[in-house]
């Protein structure tokens, strides 16, 4: 019962932070301003209007006839708007869509804090409440979330990631892969772009984790992980295939490394904000490793985590 209370505390603190922010800045529903900025203002807000019109107006969910003569809207829908949370926009008047998007952002941040707390409570049940609550809030308001919420689909991965970690840990520990399959499938459907990056996380974590903690059952765990990942890809193919076909026809598919290196953005200077809370997450890893593992395996895995973070 005590730990269940932590979820209410986290939810209250996150909501309180947003209420204070919205009140102080006159953000909807306490004013007419919005959290919208960057790419969200340039393109994603327009997609929300089209989504709204597709369900409550006369627009088509398949084709957008108002852009460049017409474009395939399904690829846009699967890339940016497929999250069920985005459909909360249908609860607001069309005239308030621009402002109501701020509510959707707040909901996704709230979910991120709760899923992170659940992951901590499940993986490390003896963690003191104040530490678990603090880490969950820091995760939800991490540098990544603060900067990248402008692309709302990327925020879906923030609240799915802690659950994916739990599912991955179950697979690596020899348990049933159901949670892993469901979460990874949802990740591919809601934002396959970042789901691919999550596969990199899985790759870099799996081998050292198995080597240090399940060396004897490594083969069994790898087979389970491979089957689970393949099933997730197949289950999400109904979205992945048409989305990839549309994106592959875009001029942005061309990649020039020189253009990236010579862009107007600096290599490091404008990226510093992304690490504003990375130290907290690293501290979290260090704390749990030192606290829960007292063997030589811990020392090796500890330095692996440190070196991976630095790289």
C-alpha atoms as a PDB file:
ATOM      1  CA  UNK A   1       0.000   0.000   0.000  1.00  0.00           C
ATOM      2  CA  UNK A   2       2.864   2.343   0.813  1.00  0.00           C
ATOM      3  CA  UNK A   3       4.402   1.930  -2.625  1.00  0.00           C
ATOM      4  CA  UNK A   4       1.030   2.355  -4.328  1.00  0.00           C
ATOM      5  CA  UNK A   5       0.872   5.767  -2.715  1.00  0.00           C
ATOM      6  CA  UNK A   6       4.040   6.717  -4.609  1.00  0.00           C
ATOM      7  CA  UNK A   7       2.141   6.728  -7.903  1.00  0.00           C
ATOM      8  CA  UNK A   8      -0.337   9.244  -6.560  1.00  0.00           C
ATOM      9  CA  UNK A   9       2.506  11.415  -5.254  1.00  0.00           C
ATOM     10  CA  UNK A  10       4.326  11.358  -8.596  1.00  0.00           C
ATOM     11  CA  UNK A  11       1.139  12.149 -10.511  1.00  0.00           C
ATOM     12  CA  UNK A  12       0.325  15.000  -8.135  1.00  0.00           C
ATOM     13  CA  UNK A  13       3.799  16.552  -8.424  1.00  0.00           C
ATOM     14  CA  UNK A  14       3.869  16.316 -12.234  1.00  0.00           C
ATOM     15  CA  UNK A  15       0.382  17.801 -12.552  1.00  0.00           C
ATOM     16  CA  UNK A  16       1.310  20.536 -10.066  1.00  0.00           C
ATOM     17  CA  UNK A  17       4.399  21.422 -12.116  1.00  0.00           C
ATOM     18  CA  UNK A  18       2.294  21.776 -15.246  1.00  0.00           C
ATOM     19  CA  UNK A  19      -0.404  23.779 -13.468  1.00  0.00           C
ATOM     20  CA  UNK A  20       2.202  26.221 -12.152  1.00  0.00           C
ATOM     21  CA  UNK A  21       3.814  26.433 -15.600  1.00  0.00           C
ATOM     22  CA  UNK A  22       0.518  26.922 -17.412  1.00  0.00           C
ATOM     23  CA  UNK A  23      -0.683  29.531 -14.916  1.00  0.00           C
ATOM     24  CA  UNK A  24       2.553  31.520 -14.944  1.00  0.00           C
ATOM     25  CA  UNK A  25       2.824  31.520 -18.752  1.00  0.00           C
ATOM     26  CA  UNK A  26      -0.859  31.885 -19.580  1.00  0.00           C
ATOM     27  CA  UNK A  27      -0.955  28.522 -21.348  1.00  0.00           C
ATOM     28  CA  UNK A  28      -4.285  26.907 -22.222  1.00  0.00           C
ATOM     29  CA  UNK A  29      -6.639  26.348 -20.383  1.00  0.00           C
ATOM     30  CA  UNK A  30      -5.416  29.254 -18.218  1.00  0.00           C
ATOM     31  CA  UNK A  31      -4.757  31.494 -21.200  1.00  0.00           C
ATOM     32  CA  UNK A  32      -4.328  31.493 -24.949  1.00  0.00           C
ATOM     33  CA  UNK A  33      -0.655  30.544 -25.188  1.00  0.00           C
ATOM     34  CA  UNK A  34       0.701  27.096 -26.017  1.00  0.00           C
ATOM     35  CA  UNK A  35       3.768  24.897 -25.496  1.00  0.00           C
ATOM     36  CA  UNK A  36       4.115  24.613 -29.264  1.00  0.00           C
ATOM     37  CA  UNK A  37       7.519  25.443 -30.732  1.00  0.00           C
ATOM     38  CA  UNK A  38       9.957  24.301 -33.419  1.00  0.00           C
ATOM     39  CA  UNK A  39       8.793  21.527 -35.730  1.00  0.00           C
ATOM     40  CA  UNK A  40       5.525  21.329 -33.871  1.00  0.00           C
ATOM     41  CA  UNK A  41       4.642  24.828 -34.998  1.00  0.00           C
ATOM     42  CA  UNK A  42       5.940  24.403 -38.537  1.00  0.00           C
ATOM     43  CA  UNK A  43       4.233  21.132 -39.449  1.00  0.00           C
ATOM     44  CA  UNK A  44       2.892  18.867 -36.698  1.00  0.00           C
ATOM     45  CA  UNK A  45       0.122  21.216 -35.565  1.00  0.00           C
ATOM     46  CA  UNK A  46      -1.272  21.173 -39.105  1.00  0.00           C
ATOM     47  CA  UNK A  47      -1.356  17.380 -38.927  1.00  0.00           C
ATOM     48  CA  UNK A  48      -3.472  17.569 -35.775  1.00  0.00           C
ATOM     49  CA  UNK A  49      -5.957  19.792 -37.588  1.00  0.00           C
ATOM     50  CA  UNK A  50      -6.184  17.265 -40.403  1.00  0.00           C
ATOM     51  CA  UNK A  51      -6.601  14.420 -37.906  1.00  0.00           C
ATOM     52  CA  UNK A  52      -9.437  16.328 -36.290  1.00  0.00           C
ATOM     53  CA  UNK A  53     -11.101  16.995 -39.629  1.00  0.00           C
ATOM     54  CA  UNK A  54     -10.705  13.355 -40.653  1.00  0.00           C
ATOM     55  CA  UNK A  55     -12.896  12.192 -37.768  1.00  0.00           C
ATOM     56  CA  UNK A  56     -15.147  15.172 -37.110  1.00  0.00           C
ATOM     57  CA  UNK A  57     -15.085  16.833 -40.518  1.00  0.00           C
ATOM     58  CA  UNK A  58     -15.033  15.880 -44.173  1.00  0.00           C
ATOM     59  CA  UNK A  59     -11.271  15.297 -44.618  1.00  0.00           C
ATOM     60  CA  UNK A  60      -9.759  11.921 -45.526  1.00  0.00           C
ATOM     61  CA  UNK A  61      -7.435   9.982 -43.235  1.00  0.00           C
ATOM     62  CA  UNK A  62      -5.774   8.541 -46.352  1.00  0.00           C
ATOM     63  CA  UNK A  63      -5.137  11.634 -48.479  1.00  0.00           C
ATOM     64  CA  UNK A  64      -4.542  15.308 -47.705  1.00  0.00           C
ATOM     65  CA  UNK A  65      -5.885  17.295 -50.646  1.00  0.00           C
ATOM     66  CA  UNK A  66      -4.839  20.645 -49.174  1.00  0.00           C
ATOM     67  CA  UNK A  67      -1.067  20.147 -49.441  1.00  0.00           C
ATOM     68  CA  UNK A  68       0.894  20.302 -52.718  1.00  0.00           C
ATOM     69  CA  UNK A  69      -2.026  19.177 -54.814  1.00  0.00           C
ATOM     70  CA  UNK A  70      -2.495  16.155 -52.497  1.00  0.00           C
ATOM     71  CA  UNK A  71      -0.267  13.861 -50.461  1.00  0.00           C
ATOM     72  CA  UNK A  72      -0.589  10.420 -48.905  1.00  0.00           C
ATOM     73  CA  UNK A  73      -1.628  11.177 -45.332  1.00  0.00           C
ATOM     74  CA  UNK A  74      -1.429   7.589 -44.043  1.00  0.00           C
ATOM     75  CA  UNK A  75       2.360   7.722 -43.763  1.00  0.00           C
ATOM     76  CA  UNK A  76       2.109  10.993 -41.853  1.00  0.00           C
ATOM     77  CA  UNK A  77      -0.546   9.493 -39.591  1.00  0.00           C
ATOM     78  CA  UNK A  78       1.543   6.436 -38.730  1.00  0.00           C
ATOM     79  CA  UNK A  79       4.694   8.481 -38.171  1.00  0.00           C
ATOM     80  CA  UNK A  80       3.287  11.363 -36.124  1.00  0.00           C
ATOM     81  CA  UNK A  81      -0.272  10.710 -34.974  1.00  0.00           C
ATOM     82  CA  UNK A  82      -0.931   6.999 -34.379  1.00  0.00           C
ATOM     83  CA  UNK A  83      -0.753   7.269 -30.590  1.00  0.00           C
ATOM     84  CA  UNK A  84      -4.188   6.888 -28.928  1.00  0.00           C
ATOM     85  CA  UNK A  85      -3.287   9.814 -26.685  1.00  0.00           C
ATOM     86  CA  UNK A  86      -3.280  12.118 -29.699  1.00  0.00           C
ATOM     87  CA  UNK A  87      -6.973  11.372 -30.178  1.00  0.00           C
ATOM     88  CA  UNK A  88      -7.679  13.388 -27.036  1.00  0.00           C
ATOM     89  CA  UNK A  89      -7.606  16.314 -29.448  1.00  0.00           C
ATOM     90  CA  UNK A  90     -11.102  15.243 -30.551  1.00  0.00           C
ATOM     91  CA  UNK A  91     -12.451  16.253 -27.126  1.00  0.00           C
ATOM     92  CA  UNK A  92     -11.687  19.933 -27.745  1.00  0.00           C
ATOM     93  CA  UNK A  93     -13.316  22.467 -30.069  1.00  0.00           C
ATOM     94  CA  UNK A  94     -11.496  22.835 -33.374  1.00  0.00           C
ATOM     95  CA  UNK A  95     -10.718  26.476 -32.585  1.00  0.00           C
ATOM     96  CA  UNK A  96      -8.720  25.346 -29.538  1.00  0.00           C
ATOM     97  CA  UNK A  97      -6.590  22.649 -31.178  1.00  0.00           C
ATOM     98  CA  UNK A  98      -3.510  24.879 -31.233  1.00  0.00           C
ATOM     99  CA  UNK A  99      -3.724  25.387 -27.476  1.00  0.00           C
ATOM    100  CA  UNK A 100      -5.033  21.907 -26.589  1.00  0.00           C
ATOM    101  CA  UNK A 101      -1.888  20.230 -27.899  1.00  0.00           C
ATOM    102  CA  UNK A 102      -0.238  21.420 -24.673  1.00  0.00           C
ATOM    103  CA  UNK A 103      -2.594  19.118 -22.747  1.00  0.00           C
ATOM    104  CA  UNK A 104      -1.517  16.154 -24.871  1.00  0.00           C
ATOM    105  CA  UNK A 105       2.137  16.907 -24.140  1.00  0.00           C
ATOM    106  CA  UNK A 106       1.402  17.074 -20.409  1.00  0.00           C
ATOM    107  CA  UNK A 107      -0.415  13.728 -20.503  1.00  0.00           C
ATOM    108  CA  UNK A 108       2.551  12.026 -22.181  1.00  0.00           C
ATOM    109  CA  UNK A 109       4.979  13.471 -19.635  1.00  0.00           C
ATOM    110  CA  UNK A 110       2.709  12.270 -16.833  1.00  0.00           C
ATOM    111  CA  UNK A 111       2.634   8.772 -18.320  1.00  0.00           C
ATOM    112  CA  UNK A 112       6.430   8.788 -18.597  1.00  0.00           C
ATOM    113  CA  UNK A 113       6.778   9.533 -14.887  1.00  0.00           C
ATOM    114  CA  UNK A 114       4.384   6.733 -13.941  1.00  0.00           C
ATOM    115  CA  UNK A 115       5.927   4.082 -16.197  1.00  0.00           C
ATOM    116  CA  UNK A 116       9.389   5.003 -14.946  1.00  0.00           C
ATOM    117  CA  UNK A 117       8.232   4.659 -11.349  1.00  0.00           C
ATOM    118  CA  UNK A 118       6.671   1.295 -12.186  1.00  0.00           C
ATOM    119  CA  UNK A 119       9.933   0.100 -13.742  1.00  0.00           C
ATOM    120  CA  UNK A 120      11.910   1.180 -10.682  1.00  0.00           C
ATOM    121  CA  UNK A 121       9.432  -0.394  -8.280  1.00  0.00           C
ATOM    122  CA  UNK A 122       9.390  -3.666 -10.253  1.00  0.00           C
ATOM    123  CA  UNK A 123      13.136  -3.943 -10.767  1.00  0.00           C
ATOM    124  CA  UNK A 124      14.280  -2.542  -7.419  1.00  0.00           C
ATOM    125  CA  UNK A 125      11.372  -2.997  -4.959  1.00  0.00           C
ATOM    126  CA  UNK A 126      13.472  -2.025  -1.925  1.00  0.00           C
ATOM    127  CA  UNK A 127      14.262   1.438  -3.252  1.00  0.00           C
ATOM    128  CA  UNK A 128      13.235   4.169  -0.779  1.00  0.00           C
ATOM    129  CA  UNK A 129      10.115   6.000  -1.886  1.00  0.00           C
ATOM    130  CA  UNK A 130      11.713   9.441  -2.028  1.00  0.00           C
ATOM    131  CA  UNK A 131      14.453   8.197  -4.370  1.00  0.00           C
ATOM    132  CA  UNK A 132      12.017   6.354  -6.650  1.00  0.00           C
ATOM    133  CA  UNK A 133       9.736   9.390  -6.824  1.00  0.00           C
ATOM    134  CA  UNK A 134      12.617  11.764  -7.528  1.00  0.00           C
ATOM    135  CA  UNK A 135      14.040   9.572 -10.288  1.00  0.00           C
ATOM    136  CA  UNK A 136      10.632   9.139 -11.926  1.00  0.00           C
ATOM    137  CA  UNK A 137      10.062  12.892 -12.038  1.00  0.00           C
ATOM    138  CA  UNK A 138      13.589  13.560 -13.304  1.00  0.00           C
ATOM    139  CA  UNK A 139      13.060  11.005 -16.058  1.00  0.00           C
ATOM    140  CA  UNK A 140       9.758  12.547 -17.152  1.00  0.00           C
ATOM    141  CA  UNK A 141      11.293  16.032 -17.281  1.00  0.00           C
ATOM    142  CA  UNK A 142      14.620  14.912 -18.721  1.00  0.00           C
ATOM    143  CA  UNK A 143      16.538  17.038 -21.182  1.00  0.00           C
ATOM    144  CA  UNK A 144      15.356  14.843 -24.036  1.00  0.00           C
ATOM    145  CA  UNK A 145      11.690  15.272 -23.110  1.00  0.00           C
ATOM    146  CA  UNK A 146      12.001  19.029 -22.650  1.00  0.00           C
ATOM    147  CA  UNK A 147      13.657  19.506 -26.045  1.00  0.00           C
ATOM    148  CA  UNK A 148      12.035  16.813 -28.170  1.00  0.00           C
ATOM    149  CA  UNK A 149       8.404  17.099 -27.113  1.00  0.00           C
ATOM    150  CA  UNK A 150       8.065  19.332 -30.175  1.00  0.00           C
ATOM    151  CA  UNK A 151       7.735  16.070 -32.129  1.00  0.00           C
ATOM    152  CA  UNK A 152       4.901  14.514 -30.180  1.00  0.00           C
ATOM    153  CA  UNK A 153       5.416  10.994 -31.559  1.00  0.00           C
ATOM    154  CA  UNK A 154       8.859  10.877 -29.983  1.00  0.00           C
ATOM    155  CA  UNK A 155       7.296  11.410 -26.567  1.00  0.00           C
ATOM    156  CA  UNK A 156       5.414   8.136 -26.922  1.00  0.00           C
ATOM    157  CA  UNK A 157       8.731   6.324 -26.752  1.00  0.00           C
ATOM    158  CA  UNK A 158       9.581   8.125 -23.505  1.00  0.00           C
ATOM    159  CA  UNK A 159       6.709   6.497 -21.625  1.00  0.00           C
ATOM    160  CA  UNK A 160       7.070   3.152 -23.440  1.00  0.00           C
ATOM    161  CA  UNK A 161      10.796   2.798 -22.816  1.00  0.00           C
ATOM    162  CA  UNK A 162      10.617   1.842 -19.091  1.00  0.00           C
ATOM    163  CA  UNK A 163       8.072  -0.862 -19.928  1.00  0.00           C
ATOM    164  CA  UNK A 164      10.262  -2.103 -22.766  1.00  0.00           C
ATOM    165  CA  UNK A 165      13.137  -2.359 -20.301  1.00  0.00           C
ATOM    166  CA  UNK A 166      10.997  -4.516 -18.006  1.00  0.00           C
ATOM    167  CA  UNK A 167       9.982  -6.731 -20.914  1.00  0.00           C
ATOM    168  CA  UNK A 168      13.578  -7.026 -22.088  1.00  0.00           C
ATOM    169  CA  UNK A 169      14.763  -7.933 -18.596  1.00  0.00           C
ATOM    170  CA  UNK A 170      12.115 -10.652 -18.372  1.00  0.00           C
ATOM    171  CA  UNK A 171      13.315 -12.162 -21.650  1.00  0.00           C
ATOM    172  CA  UNK A 172      16.969 -12.032 -20.622  1.00  0.00           C
ATOM    173  CA  UNK A 173      16.105 -13.559 -17.253  1.00  0.00           C
ATOM    174  CA  UNK A 174      14.416 -16.496 -18.997  1.00  0.00           C
ATOM    175  CA  UNK A 175      10.805 -15.430 -18.376  1.00  0.00           C
ATOM    176  CA  UNK A 176       7.924 -15.138 -20.855  1.00  0.00           C
ATOM    177  CA  UNK A 177       8.480 -12.572 -23.643  1.00  0.00           C
ATOM    178  CA  UNK A 178       4.898 -11.299 -23.825  1.00  0.00           C
ATOM    179  CA  UNK A 179       5.548  -7.875 -22.301  1.00  0.00           C
ATOM    180  CA  UNK A 180       8.600  -7.369 -24.516  1.00  0.00           C
ATOM    181  CA  UNK A 181       6.711  -8.309 -27.688  1.00  0.00           C
ATOM    182  CA  UNK A 182       3.720  -6.087 -26.916  1.00  0.00           C
ATOM    183  CA  UNK A 183       5.826  -3.063 -25.953  1.00  0.00           C
ATOM    184  CA  UNK A 184       8.250  -3.317 -28.870  1.00  0.00           C
ATOM    185  CA  UNK A 185       5.345  -3.799 -31.292  1.00  0.00           C
ATOM    186  CA  UNK A 186       3.646  -0.687 -29.932  1.00  0.00           C
ATOM    187  CA  UNK A 187       6.922   1.207 -30.235  1.00  0.00           C
ATOM    188  CA  UNK A 188       7.229   0.272 -33.910  1.00  0.00           C
ATOM    189  CA  UNK A 189       3.619   1.234 -34.584  1.00  0.00           C
ATOM    190  CA  UNK A 190       3.672   4.538 -32.705  1.00  0.00           C
ATOM    191  CA  UNK A 191       7.160   5.699 -33.739  1.00  0.00           C
ATOM    192  CA  UNK A 192       9.227   3.247 -35.759  1.00  0.00           C
ATOM    193  CA  UNK A 193      11.965   5.852 -36.203  1.00  0.00           C
ATOM    194  CA  UNK A 194      12.918   5.778 -32.528  1.00  0.00           C
ATOM    195  CA  UNK A 195      11.986   2.119 -32.159  1.00  0.00           C
ATOM    196  CA  UNK A 196      14.926   1.363 -34.438  1.00  0.00           C
ATOM    197  CA  UNK A 197      17.172   3.262 -32.025  1.00  0.00           C
ATOM    198  CA  UNK A 198      15.687   1.225 -29.197  1.00  0.00           C
ATOM    199  CA  UNK A 199      16.949  -1.868 -31.002  1.00  0.00           C
ATOM    200  CA  UNK A 200      20.446  -0.418 -30.666  1.00  0.00           C
ATOM    201  CA  UNK A 201      19.874  -0.082 -26.929  1.00  0.00           C
ATOM    202  CA  UNK A 202      18.740  -3.710 -26.812  1.00  0.00           C
ATOM    203  CA  UNK A 203      21.821  -4.804 -28.748  1.00  0.00           C
ATOM    204  CA  UNK A 204      24.324  -2.944 -26.558  1.00  0.00           C
ATOM    205  CA  UNK A 205      22.677  -4.049 -23.308  1.00  0.00           C
ATOM    206  CA  UNK A 206      21.876  -7.686 -24.071  1.00  0.00           C
ATOM    207  CA  UNK A 207      25.297  -9.266 -24.512  1.00  0.00           C
ATOM    208  CA  UNK A 208      27.023  -7.699 -21.478  1.00  0.00           C
ATOM    209  CA  UNK A 209      23.947  -8.306 -19.302  1.00  0.00           C
ATOM    210  CA  UNK A 210      23.834 -11.976 -20.241  1.00  0.00           C
ATOM    211  CA  UNK A 211      27.589 -12.315 -19.925  1.00  0.00           C
ATOM    212  CA  UNK A 212      27.669 -10.955 -16.394  1.00  0.00           C
ATOM    213  CA  UNK A 213      24.430 -12.386 -14.980  1.00  0.00           C
ATOM    214  CA  UNK A 214      23.196 -15.299 -17.128  1.00  0.00           C
ATOM    215  CA  UNK A 215      26.244 -16.681 -18.861  1.00  0.00           C
ATOM    216  CA  UNK A 216      25.058 -20.292 -18.555  1.00  0.00           C
ATOM    217  CA  UNK A 217      21.670 -19.616 -20.195  1.00  0.00           C
ATOM    218  CA  UNK A 218      22.902 -17.132 -22.787  1.00  0.00           C
ATOM    219  CA  UNK A 219      21.862 -19.199 -25.810  1.00  0.00           C
ATOM    220  CA  UNK A 220      18.309 -19.721 -24.549  1.00  0.00           C
ATOM    221  CA  UNK A 221      17.884 -16.027 -23.757  1.00  0.00           C
ATOM    222  CA  UNK A 222      19.241 -14.932 -27.148  1.00  0.00           C
ATOM    223  CA  UNK A 223      16.849 -17.268 -28.964  1.00  0.00           C
ATOM    224  CA  UNK A 224      13.915 -15.916 -26.961  1.00  0.00           C
ATOM    225  CA  UNK A 225      15.007 -12.352 -27.628  1.00  0.00           C
ATOM    226  CA  UNK A 226      15.425 -12.996 -31.351  1.00  0.00           C
ATOM    227  CA  UNK A 227      12.022 -14.652 -31.683  1.00  0.00           C
ATOM    228  CA  UNK A 228      10.338 -11.885 -29.685  1.00  0.00           C
ATOM    229  CA  UNK A 229      11.954  -9.144 -31.764  1.00  0.00           C
ATOM    230  CA  UNK A 230      11.043 -10.862 -35.042  1.00  0.00           C
ATOM    231  CA  UNK A 231       7.425 -11.280 -33.942  1.00  0.00           C
ATOM    232  CA  UNK A 232       7.268  -7.591 -33.027  1.00  0.00           C
ATOM    233  CA  UNK A 233       8.523  -6.582 -36.459  1.00  0.00           C
ATOM    234  CA  UNK A 234       6.024  -8.883 -38.187  1.00  0.00           C
ATOM    235  CA  UNK A 235       3.101  -7.710 -36.053  1.00  0.00           C
ATOM    236  CA  UNK A 236       3.901  -4.072 -36.807  1.00  0.00           C
ATOM    237  CA  UNK A 237       4.568  -4.675 -40.521  1.00  0.00           C
ATOM    238  CA  UNK A 238       1.082  -3.460 -41.397  1.00  0.00           C
ATOM    239  CA  UNK A 239       2.323  -0.003 -40.407  1.00  0.00           C
ATOM    240  CA  UNK A 240       6.045  -0.324 -41.096  1.00  0.00           C
ATOM    241  CA  UNK A 241       5.820  -1.387 -44.742  1.00  0.00           C
ATOM    242  CA  UNK A 242       3.511   1.346 -46.118  1.00  0.00           C
ATOM    243  CA  UNK A 243       5.229   3.980 -43.994  1.00  0.00           C
ATOM    244  CA  UNK A 244       8.667   2.974 -45.241  1.00  0.00           C
ATOM    245  CA  UNK A 245       7.488   2.951 -48.862  1.00  0.00           C
ATOM    246  CA  UNK A 246       6.184   6.489 -48.561  1.00  0.00           C
ATOM    247  CA  UNK A 247       9.221   7.800 -46.707  1.00  0.00           C
ATOM    248  CA  UNK A 248      11.616   6.132 -49.158  1.00  0.00           C
ATOM    249  CA  UNK A 249      10.080   8.232 -51.927  1.00  0.00           C
ATOM    250  CA  UNK A 250      10.923  11.448 -50.098  1.00  0.00           C
ATOM    251  CA  UNK A 251      13.831  13.628 -51.201  1.00  0.00           C
ATOM    252  CA  UNK A 252      15.025  13.622 -47.585  1.00  0.00           C
ATOM    253  CA  UNK A 253      16.054   9.985 -47.899  1.00  0.00           C
ATOM    254  CA  UNK A 254      19.244  11.199 -49.574  1.00  0.00           C
ATOM    255  CA  UNK A 255      22.058  11.449 -47.024  1.00  0.00           C
ATOM    256  CA  UNK A 256      25.227  13.483 -47.373  1.00  0.00           C
ATOM    257  CA  UNK A 257      27.642  13.357 -44.442  1.00  0.00           C
ATOM    258  CA  UNK A 258      29.296  16.594 -45.590  1.00  0.00           C
ATOM    259  CA  UNK A 259      25.986  18.405 -45.397  1.00  0.00           C
ATOM    260  CA  UNK A 260      25.568  17.204 -41.829  1.00  0.00           C
ATOM    261  CA  UNK A 261      29.083  18.194 -40.773  1.00  0.00           C
ATOM    262  CA  UNK A 262      28.837  21.620 -42.411  1.00  0.00           C
ATOM    263  CA  UNK A 263      25.346  22.454 -41.168  1.00  0.00           C
ATOM    264  CA  UNK A 264      24.693  25.686 -39.313  1.00  0.00           C
ATOM    265  CA  UNK A 265      24.324  23.793 -36.036  1.00  0.00           C
ATOM    266  CA  UNK A 266      27.467  23.243 -34.051  1.00  0.00           C
ATOM    267  CA  UNK A 267      28.593  19.725 -33.259  1.00  0.00           C
ATOM    268  CA  UNK A 268      28.381  20.184 -29.484  1.00  0.00           C
ATOM    269  CA  UNK A 269      27.297  23.676 -28.459  1.00  0.00           C
ATOM    270  CA  UNK A 270      23.589  23.374 -29.187  1.00  0.00           C
ATOM    271  CA  UNK A 271      23.436  19.803 -27.863  1.00  0.00           C
ATOM    272  CA  UNK A 272      24.529  20.567 -24.292  1.00  0.00           C
ATOM    273  CA  UNK A 273      20.932  20.976 -23.107  1.00  0.00           C
ATOM    274  CA  UNK A 274      20.261  17.351 -24.023  1.00  0.00           C
ATOM    275  CA  UNK A 275      22.565  16.300 -21.189  1.00  0.00           C
ATOM    276  CA  UNK A 276      21.067  18.584 -18.546  1.00  0.00           C
ATOM    277  CA  UNK A 277      19.626  15.597 -16.664  1.00  0.00           C
ATOM    278  CA  UNK A 278      21.720  12.795 -18.107  1.00  0.00           C
ATOM    279  CA  UNK A 279      23.873  12.900 -14.983  1.00  0.00           C
ATOM    280  CA  UNK A 280      20.818  12.040 -12.892  1.00  0.00           C
ATOM    281  CA  UNK A 281      20.112   8.972 -15.006  1.00  0.00           C
ATOM    282  CA  UNK A 282      23.741   7.920 -14.824  1.00  0.00           C
ATOM    283  CA  UNK A 283      23.635   8.399 -11.063  1.00  0.00           C
ATOM    284  CA  UNK A 284      20.560   6.180 -10.979  1.00  0.00           C
ATOM    285  CA  UNK A 285      22.429   3.381 -12.749  1.00  0.00           C
ATOM    286  CA  UNK A 286      25.435   3.766 -10.461  1.00  0.00           C
ATOM    287  CA  UNK A 287      23.264   3.780  -7.343  1.00  0.00           C
ATOM    288  CA  UNK A 288      21.437   0.575  -8.214  1.00  0.00           C
ATOM    289  CA  UNK A 289      24.536  -1.266  -9.360  1.00  0.00           C
ATOM    290  CA  UNK A 290      26.431  -0.438  -6.197  1.00  0.00           C
ATOM    291  CA  UNK A 291      23.422  -1.084  -3.981  1.00  0.00           C
ATOM    292  CA  UNK A 292      22.180  -4.389  -5.369  1.00  0.00           C
ATOM    293  CA  UNK A 293      25.249  -6.182  -6.650  1.00  0.00           C
ATOM    294  CA  UNK A 294      28.208  -6.843  -4.364  1.00  0.00           C
ATOM    295  CA  UNK A 295      30.235  -9.203  -6.527  1.00  0.00           C
ATOM    296  CA  UNK A 296      33.087  -8.714  -8.948  1.00  0.00           C
ATOM    297  CA  UNK A 297      30.517  -8.911 -11.760  1.00  0.00           C
ATOM    298  CA  UNK A 298      29.157  -5.640 -10.520  1.00  0.00           C
ATOM    299  CA  UNK A 299      32.506  -3.901 -10.880  1.00  0.00           C
ATOM    300  CA  UNK A 300      32.939  -5.056 -14.471  1.00  0.00           C
ATOM    301  CA  UNK A 301      29.378  -4.215 -15.456  1.00  0.00           C
ATOM    302  CA  UNK A 302      29.713  -0.880 -13.669  1.00  0.00           C
ATOM    303  CA  UNK A 303      32.662   0.154 -15.836  1.00  0.00           C
ATOM    304  CA  UNK A 304      30.874  -1.090 -18.932  1.00  0.00           C
ATOM    305  CA  UNK A 305      27.961   1.239 -18.151  1.00  0.00           C
ATOM    306  CA  UNK A 306      30.315   4.160 -17.473  1.00  0.00           C
ATOM    307  CA  UNK A 307      32.261   3.653 -20.711  1.00  0.00           C
ATOM    308  CA  UNK A 308      29.042   3.271 -22.733  1.00  0.00           C
ATOM    309  CA  UNK A 309      27.732   6.525 -21.289  1.00  0.00           C
ATOM    310  CA  UNK A 310      30.944   8.381 -22.123  1.00  0.00           C
ATOM    311  CA  UNK A 311      31.000   7.031 -25.690  1.00  0.00           C
END
